[in-house]
Amino acid sequence: MRRRYQHDATSNKSVFGSVAAHDAVEDFTEHTEVVNGCSDLLVQVFDRRGQHTRSAIGVKSLPKGFAVEIEAMVEIRGA
């Protein structure tokens, strides 16, 4: 993916932050490990502009039975 989007990723886009919620049982404590894949992907695609702040929380349930829900704040500049 990085090669395909490298030009756009390094010149026109920046990731500022993400918030992730995932389905978890009451005694689960490794919330950040669940969403590491998302953060790693954003850095792979956007290079250094993909580095961002992040919040990860565990919840009892998510809509439609989803396991993970992620919201990202991304800036896209004019082409």
N, C-alpha and C. Protein backbone atom coordinates (compact mmCIF):
# COMPACT_ATOMS: atom_id res chain seq x y z
N MET A 1 0.81 -1.19 0.00
CA MET A 1 0.00 0.00 0.00
C MET A 1 0.86 1.26 0.00
N ARG A 2 1.96 1.24 0.68
CA ARG A 2 2.77 2.45 0.81
C ARG A 2 3.23 2.96 -0.55
N ARG A 3 3.69 2.07 -1.42
CA ARG A 3 4.15 2.51 -2.74
C ARG A 3 3.01 3.12 -3.55
N ARG A 4 1.85 2.54 -3.45
CA ARG A 4 0.71 3.01 -4.24
C ARG A 4 0.30 4.42 -3.85
N TYR A 5 0.36 4.76 -2.57
CA TYR A 5 -0.12 6.05 -2.09
C TYR A 5 0.99 6.99 -1.64
N GLN A 6 2.24 6.64 -1.91
CA GLN A 6 3.36 7.38 -1.34
C GLN A 6 3.32 8.87 -1.69
N HIS A 7 3.08 9.23 -2.93
CA HIS A 7 3.08 10.65 -3.30
C HIS A 7 2.00 11.42 -2.55
N ASP A 8 0.78 10.93 -2.61
CA ASP A 8 -0.32 11.60 -1.91
C ASP A 8 -0.09 11.61 -0.40
N ALA A 9 0.41 10.52 0.11
CA ALA A 9 0.55 10.40 1.56
C ALA A 9 1.56 11.39 2.11
N THR A 10 2.62 11.65 1.40
CA THR A 10 3.65 12.52 1.95
C THR A 10 3.42 13.98 1.63
N SER A 11 2.55 14.31 0.69
CA SER A 11 2.39 15.72 0.33
C SER A 11 1.01 16.31 0.62
N ASN A 12 -0.03 15.50 0.69
CA ASN A 12 -1.38 16.07 0.76
C ASN A 12 -2.21 15.65 1.97
N LYS A 13 -1.69 14.78 2.83
CA LYS A 13 -2.53 14.26 3.90
C LYS A 13 -1.74 14.18 5.20
N SER A 14 -2.45 14.37 6.32
CA SER A 14 -1.86 14.20 7.65
C SER A 14 -2.91 13.58 8.56
N VAL A 15 -2.49 12.68 9.41
CA VAL A 15 -3.37 12.08 10.40
C VAL A 15 -3.07 12.75 11.73
N PHE A 16 -4.10 13.29 12.39
CA PHE A 16 -3.90 13.98 13.66
C PHE A 16 -4.21 13.10 14.86
N GLY A 17 -5.20 12.24 14.72
CA GLY A 17 -5.55 11.41 15.87
C GLY A 17 -6.57 10.36 15.51
N SER A 18 -6.72 9.41 16.41
CA SER A 18 -7.75 8.40 16.24
C SER A 18 -8.32 8.03 17.60
N VAL A 19 -9.57 7.62 17.57
CA VAL A 19 -10.25 7.13 18.76
C VAL A 19 -10.81 5.76 18.38
N ALA A 20 -10.50 4.77 19.18
CA ALA A 20 -10.96 3.42 18.88
C ALA A 20 -11.71 2.84 20.07
N ALA A 21 -12.83 2.22 19.79
CA ALA A 21 -13.60 1.50 20.80
C ALA A 21 -13.67 0.05 20.34
N HIS A 22 -13.50 -0.85 21.27
CA HIS A 22 -13.61 -2.27 20.92
C HIS A 22 -14.41 -3.01 21.97
N ASP A 23 -15.03 -4.06 21.50
CA ASP A 23 -15.84 -4.91 22.35
C ASP A 23 -14.92 -5.64 23.33
N ALA A 24 -15.18 -5.53 24.63
CA ALA A 24 -14.29 -6.13 25.62
C ALA A 24 -15.08 -6.63 26.83
N VAL A 25 -14.57 -7.67 27.45
CA VAL A 25 -15.15 -8.15 28.70
C VAL A 25 -14.64 -7.28 29.85
N GLU A 26 -15.30 -7.37 30.99
CA GLU A 26 -15.05 -6.48 32.12
C GLU A 26 -13.61 -6.46 32.62
N ASP A 27 -12.94 -7.60 32.65
CA ASP A 27 -11.59 -7.65 33.22
C ASP A 27 -10.47 -7.52 32.18
N PHE A 28 -10.80 -7.20 30.93
CA PHE A 28 -9.80 -7.02 29.88
C PHE A 28 -9.09 -5.68 30.07
N THR A 29 -7.75 -5.65 29.96
CA THR A 29 -7.00 -4.41 30.20
C THR A 29 -6.04 -4.03 29.08
N GLU A 30 -5.97 -4.79 28.01
CA GLU A 30 -5.00 -4.53 26.95
C GLU A 30 -5.65 -3.81 25.76
N HIS A 31 -6.36 -2.74 26.04
CA HIS A 31 -7.10 -2.02 25.01
C HIS A 31 -6.20 -1.46 23.92
N THR A 32 -5.06 -0.90 24.30
CA THR A 32 -4.19 -0.30 23.29
C THR A 32 -3.64 -1.34 22.32
N GLU A 33 -3.36 -2.54 22.79
CA GLU A 33 -2.84 -3.58 21.91
C GLU A 33 -3.84 -3.97 20.82
N VAL A 34 -5.12 -3.87 21.12
CA VAL A 34 -6.15 -4.22 20.14
C VAL A 34 -6.09 -3.29 18.93
N VAL A 35 -5.82 -2.01 19.15
CA VAL A 35 -5.87 -1.03 18.05
C VAL A 35 -4.48 -0.65 17.51
N ASN A 36 -3.44 -1.34 17.95
CA ASN A 36 -2.11 -1.07 17.40
C ASN A 36 -2.06 -1.26 15.89
N GLY A 37 -2.79 -2.23 15.37
CA GLY A 37 -2.79 -2.48 13.93
C GLY A 37 -3.25 -1.28 13.13
N CYS A 38 -4.25 -0.57 13.62
CA CYS A 38 -4.74 0.62 12.94
C CYS A 38 -3.65 1.69 12.92
N SER A 39 -3.04 1.94 14.05
CA SER A 39 -1.98 2.95 14.12
C SER A 39 -0.80 2.58 13.22
N ASP A 40 -0.42 1.32 13.24
CA ASP A 40 0.68 0.85 12.39
C ASP A 40 0.35 1.05 10.91
N LEU A 41 -0.88 0.75 10.51
CA LEU A 41 -1.29 0.92 9.11
C LEU A 41 -1.24 2.38 8.70
N LEU A 42 -1.73 3.28 9.54
CA LEU A 42 -1.71 4.71 9.20
C LEU A 42 -0.28 5.21 9.01
N VAL A 43 0.65 4.75 9.81
CA VAL A 43 2.05 5.15 9.65
C VAL A 43 2.63 4.53 8.37
N GLN A 44 2.29 3.30 8.06
CA GLN A 44 2.78 2.68 6.82
C GLN A 44 2.28 3.43 5.59
N VAL A 45 1.02 3.81 5.60
CA VAL A 45 0.43 4.48 4.43
C VAL A 45 0.86 5.94 4.32
N PHE A 46 0.88 6.66 5.44
CA PHE A 46 1.13 8.10 5.41
C PHE A 46 2.55 8.49 5.84
N ASP A 47 3.43 7.53 6.05
CA ASP A 47 4.79 7.81 6.53
C ASP A 47 4.75 8.59 7.83
N ARG A 48 5.65 9.54 8.00
CA ARG A 48 5.72 10.29 9.26
C ARG A 48 4.46 11.11 9.51
N ARG A 49 3.73 11.45 8.45
CA ARG A 49 2.48 12.20 8.63
C ARG A 49 1.36 11.32 9.17
N GLY A 50 1.61 10.04 9.27
CA GLY A 50 0.63 9.12 9.84
C GLY A 50 0.78 8.95 11.34
N GLN A 51 1.84 9.50 11.92
CA GLN A 51 2.02 9.43 13.37
C GLN A 51 0.97 10.33 14.01
N HIS A 52 0.30 9.83 15.05
CA HIS A 52 -0.86 10.54 15.58
C HIS A 52 -1.09 10.22 17.06
N THR A 53 -1.92 11.03 17.67
CA THR A 53 -2.37 10.71 19.03
C THR A 53 -3.48 9.67 18.92
N ARG A 54 -3.71 8.97 20.03
CA ARG A 54 -4.70 7.89 19.96
C ARG A 54 -5.33 7.66 21.32
N SER A 55 -6.59 7.34 21.29
CA SER A 55 -7.31 6.89 22.48
C SER A 55 -7.92 5.54 22.16
N ALA A 56 -7.86 4.63 23.12
CA ALA A 56 -8.45 3.31 22.94
C ALA A 56 -9.25 2.97 24.19
N ILE A 57 -10.49 2.55 23.98
CA ILE A 57 -11.35 2.20 25.10
C ILE A 57 -12.05 0.87 24.83
N GLY A 58 -12.35 0.17 25.89
CA GLY A 58 -13.13 -1.05 25.79
C GLY A 58 -14.57 -0.75 26.17
N VAL A 59 -15.51 -1.31 25.43
CA VAL A 59 -16.93 -1.10 25.69
C VAL A 59 -17.65 -2.44 25.74
N LYS A 60 -18.82 -2.43 26.34
CA LYS A 60 -19.59 -3.68 26.48
C LYS A 60 -20.14 -4.17 25.15
N SER A 61 -20.56 -3.24 24.28
CA SER A 61 -21.07 -3.64 22.96
C SER A 61 -20.92 -2.49 21.98
N LEU A 62 -20.94 -2.83 20.69
CA LEU A 62 -20.87 -1.85 19.61
C LEU A 62 -22.03 -2.09 18.64
N PRO A 63 -22.41 -1.10 17.85
CA PRO A 63 -23.52 -1.27 16.91
C PRO A 63 -23.30 -2.44 15.95
N LYS A 64 -24.37 -3.14 15.65
CA LYS A 64 -24.40 -4.23 14.68
C LYS A 64 -23.43 -5.36 15.01
N GLY A 65 -22.99 -5.45 16.26
CA GLY A 65 -22.10 -6.53 16.66
C GLY A 65 -20.66 -6.36 16.21
N PHE A 66 -20.28 -5.17 15.77
CA PHE A 66 -18.90 -4.94 15.34
C PHE A 66 -17.95 -5.19 16.50
N ALA A 67 -16.75 -5.66 16.21
CA ALA A 67 -15.74 -5.90 17.24
C ALA A 67 -14.95 -4.63 17.55
N VAL A 68 -14.74 -3.78 16.53
CA VAL A 68 -13.94 -2.56 16.70
C VAL A 68 -14.58 -1.43 15.90
N GLU A 69 -14.56 -0.23 16.46
CA GLU A 69 -15.00 0.97 15.76
C GLU A 69 -13.89 2.01 15.89
N ILE A 70 -13.46 2.59 14.76
CA ILE A 70 -12.35 3.54 14.77
C ILE A 70 -12.77 4.83 14.08
N GLU A 71 -12.45 5.94 14.74
CA GLU A 71 -12.68 7.27 14.18
C GLU A 71 -11.31 7.93 14.02
N ALA A 72 -11.03 8.48 12.84
CA ALA A 72 -9.73 9.13 12.61
C ALA A 72 -9.94 10.56 12.17
N MET A 73 -9.08 11.44 12.67
CA MET A 73 -9.09 12.83 12.25
C MET A 73 -7.95 13.03 11.26
N VAL A 74 -8.30 13.28 9.98
CA VAL A 74 -7.33 13.36 8.90
C VAL A 74 -7.51 14.67 8.16
N GLU A 75 -6.39 15.33 7.86
CA GLU A 75 -6.42 16.55 7.04
C GLU A 75 -6.03 16.18 5.63
N ILE A 76 -6.84 16.59 4.66
CA ILE A 76 -6.53 16.37 3.24
C ILE A 76 -6.49 17.74 2.59
N ARG A 77 -5.32 18.10 2.08
CA ARG A 77 -5.16 19.40 1.43
C ARG A 77 -5.54 19.31 -0.03
N GLY A 78 -5.81 20.44 -0.67
CA GLY A 78 -6.20 20.48 -2.07
C GLY A 78 -5.19 19.84 -2.99
N ALA A 79 -5.68 19.22 -4.03
CA ALA A 79 -4.82 18.51 -4.99
C ALA A 79 -4.14 19.46 -5.94
